[in-house]
C-alpha atoms as a PDB file:
ATOM      1  CA  MET A   1      94.550 118.457 106.839  1.00  0.00           C
ATOM      2  CA  ILE A   2      97.420 117.179 108.957  1.00  0.00           C
ATOM      3  CA  ALA A   3      97.715 114.012 106.842  1.00  0.00           C
ATOM      4  CA  LYS A   4      97.958 116.097 103.659  1.00  0.00           C
ATOM      5  CA  CYS A   5     100.620 118.292 105.269  1.00  0.00           C
ATOM      6  CA  VAL A   6     102.671 115.266 106.352  1.00  0.00           C
ATOM      7  CA  LYS A   7     102.322 113.667 102.906  1.00  0.00           C
ATOM      8  CA  LYS A   8     103.489 116.878 101.204  1.00  0.00           C
ATOM      9  CA  SER A   9     106.499 116.975 103.528  1.00  0.00           C
ATOM     10  CA  ILE A  10     107.389 113.364 102.682  1.00  0.00           C
ATOM     11  CA  ILE A  11     107.016 114.028  98.945  1.00  0.00           C
ATOM     12  CA  SER A  12     109.202 117.113  99.239  1.00  0.00           C
ATOM     13  CA  ASP A  13     111.901 115.068 101.006  1.00  0.00           C
ATOM     14  CA  VAL A  14     111.741 112.289  98.395  1.00  0.00           C
ATOM     15  CA  GLN A  15     112.093 114.746  95.507  1.00  0.00           C
ATOM     16  CA  LYS A  16     115.441 115.877  96.942  1.00  0.00           C
ATOM     17  CA  VAL A  17     117.052 112.438  97.226  1.00  0.00           C
ATOM     18  CA  PRO A  18     118.920 110.394  94.612  1.00  0.00           C
ATOM     19  CA  PHE A  19     117.383 107.010  95.512  1.00  0.00           C
ATOM     20  CA  PHE A  20     113.995 105.770  96.616  1.00  0.00           C
ATOM     21  CA  SER A  21     111.903 102.627  96.451  1.00  0.00           C
ATOM     22  CA  TYR A  22     108.179 102.104  96.587  1.00  0.00           C
ATOM     23  CA  ILE A  23     106.970  99.178  98.666  1.00  0.00           C
ATOM     24  CA  THR A  24     103.449  97.878  98.382  1.00  0.00           C
ATOM     25  CA  ASP A  25     101.429  94.956  99.662  1.00  0.00           C
ATOM     26  CA  THR A  26      97.762  94.068  99.874  1.00  0.00           C
ATOM     27  CA  THR A  27      95.559  92.844 102.650  1.00  0.00           C
ATOM     28  CA  GLN A  28      91.824  92.374 103.040  1.00  0.00           C
ATOM     29  CA  ASP A  29      89.813  94.601 105.310  1.00  0.00           C
ATOM     30  CA  ILE A  30      86.890  93.374 107.394  1.00  0.00           C
ATOM     31  CA  ARG A  31      84.561  93.698 104.371  1.00  0.00           C
ATOM     32  CA  LYS A  32      86.884  91.419 102.308  1.00  0.00           C
ATOM     33  CA  HIS A  33      87.995  94.331 100.076  1.00  0.00           C
ATOM     34  CA  ASP A  34      91.659  94.371  99.113  1.00  0.00           C
ATOM     35  CA  GLN A  35      93.557  97.354 100.465  1.00  0.00           C
ATOM     36  CA  MET A  36      96.966  98.256  99.033  1.00  0.00           C
ATOM     37  CA  SER A  37      99.450  99.619 101.566  1.00  0.00           C
ATOM     38  CA  GLN A  38     101.999 102.145 100.326  1.00  0.00           C
ATOM     39  CA  ILE A  39     105.434 102.700 101.829  1.00  0.00           C
ATOM     40  CA  ILE A  40     108.269 104.747 100.421  1.00  0.00           C
ATOM     41  CA  ARG A  41     111.883 104.185 101.446  1.00  0.00           C
ATOM     42  CA  TYR A  42     114.525 106.714 100.538  1.00  0.00           C
ATOM     43  CA  VAL A  43     118.153 107.565 101.211  1.00  0.00           C
ATOM     44  CA  VAL A  44     119.048 110.919 102.741  1.00  0.00           C
ATOM     45  CA  ILE A  45     122.656 111.994 102.232  1.00  0.00           C
ATOM     46  CA  GLU A  46     123.933 114.365 104.887  1.00  0.00           C
ATOM     47  CA  LYS A  47     126.760 116.594 103.693  1.00  0.00           C
ATOM     48  CA  ASN A  48     129.324 118.765 105.437  1.00  0.00           C
ATOM     49  CA  GLU A  49     130.053 122.430 104.701  1.00  0.00           C
ATOM     50  CA  ASP A  50     132.281 121.372 101.759  1.00  0.00           C
ATOM     51  CA  ASN A  51     129.284 119.548 100.251  1.00  0.00           C
ATOM     52  CA  LYS A  52     130.962 116.176 100.794  1.00  0.00           C
ATOM     53  CA  PRO A  53     128.835 113.249 101.989  1.00  0.00           C
ATOM     54  CA  ILE A  54     129.381 112.420 105.648  1.00  0.00           C
ATOM     55  CA  LYS A  55     126.429 110.206 106.525  1.00  0.00           C
ATOM     56  CA  LEU A  56     123.683 108.151 104.889  1.00  0.00           C
ATOM     57  CA  ARG A  57     120.307 107.817 106.537  1.00  0.00           C
ATOM     58  CA  ILE A  58     117.539 105.520 105.324  1.00  0.00           C
ATOM     59  CA  GLU A  59     114.021 106.841 105.898  1.00  0.00           C
ATOM     60  CA  GLU A  60     110.840 104.831 105.517  1.00  0.00           C
ATOM     61  CA  SER A  61     107.401 106.454 105.471  1.00  0.00           C
ATOM     62  CA  PHE A  62     103.939 104.910 105.367  1.00  0.00           C
ATOM     63  CA  LEU A  63     101.811 106.808 102.833  1.00  0.00           C
ATOM     64  CA  GLY A  64      98.478 105.106 103.433  1.00  0.00           C
ATOM     65  CA  PHE A  65      96.066 102.555 102.049  1.00  0.00           C
ATOM     66  CA  CYS A  66      94.067 102.587  98.824  1.00  0.00           C
ATOM     67  CA  LEU A  67      91.377 100.265  97.500  1.00  0.00           C
ATOM     68  CA  LEU A  68      92.595  97.769  94.902  1.00  0.00           C
ATOM     69  CA  ASN A  69      89.897  96.821  92.403  1.00  0.00           C
ATOM     70  CA  ASP A  70      91.939  95.248  89.578  1.00  0.00           C
ATOM     71  CA  HIS A  71      94.153  92.322  90.662  1.00  0.00           C
ATOM     72  CA  SER A  72      95.882  91.843  87.319  1.00  0.00           C
ATOM     73  CA  ALA A  73      99.528  92.817  86.808  1.00  0.00           C
ATOM     74  CA  SER A  74      98.477  95.864  84.792  1.00  0.00           C
ATOM     75  CA  GLY A  75      95.953  96.755  87.512  1.00  0.00           C
ATOM     76  CA  PHE A  76      98.698  96.719  90.139  1.00  0.00           C
ATOM     77  CA  ALA A  77     101.031  98.705  87.887  1.00  0.00           C
ATOM     78  CA  ASN A  78      98.371 101.311  87.078  1.00  0.00           C
ATOM     79  CA  GLN A  79      97.493 101.725  90.764  1.00  0.00           C
ATOM     80  CA  ILE A  80     101.151 102.131  91.740  1.00  0.00           C
ATOM     81  CA  VAL A  81     101.751 104.723  89.024  1.00  0.00           C
ATOM     82  CA  GLU A  82      98.599 106.588  90.046  1.00  0.00           C
ATOM     83  CA  ASN A  83      99.687 106.563  93.718  1.00  0.00           C
ATOM     84  CA  ILE A  84     103.146 107.877  92.872  1.00  0.00           C
ATOM     85  CA  LYS A  85     101.659 110.725  90.845  1.00  0.00           C
END
């Protein structure tokens, strides 16, 4: 439950920002199954009372691992799109 709450908070933050990137990589677990790691990096713009930007802050959040079954380019792309949804 806590993980879902944290993930919802991260998603809410990302939906408010103008820029973000999705970083992914794969690694094998002990069973030799490929796990895809998911990280999202986004820019938070802090503004003053006049709504003028005063500071940029880059946040980076680990979203978790998922099993990667299809190692083709379209398999990677489909998994990334599914994770972002």
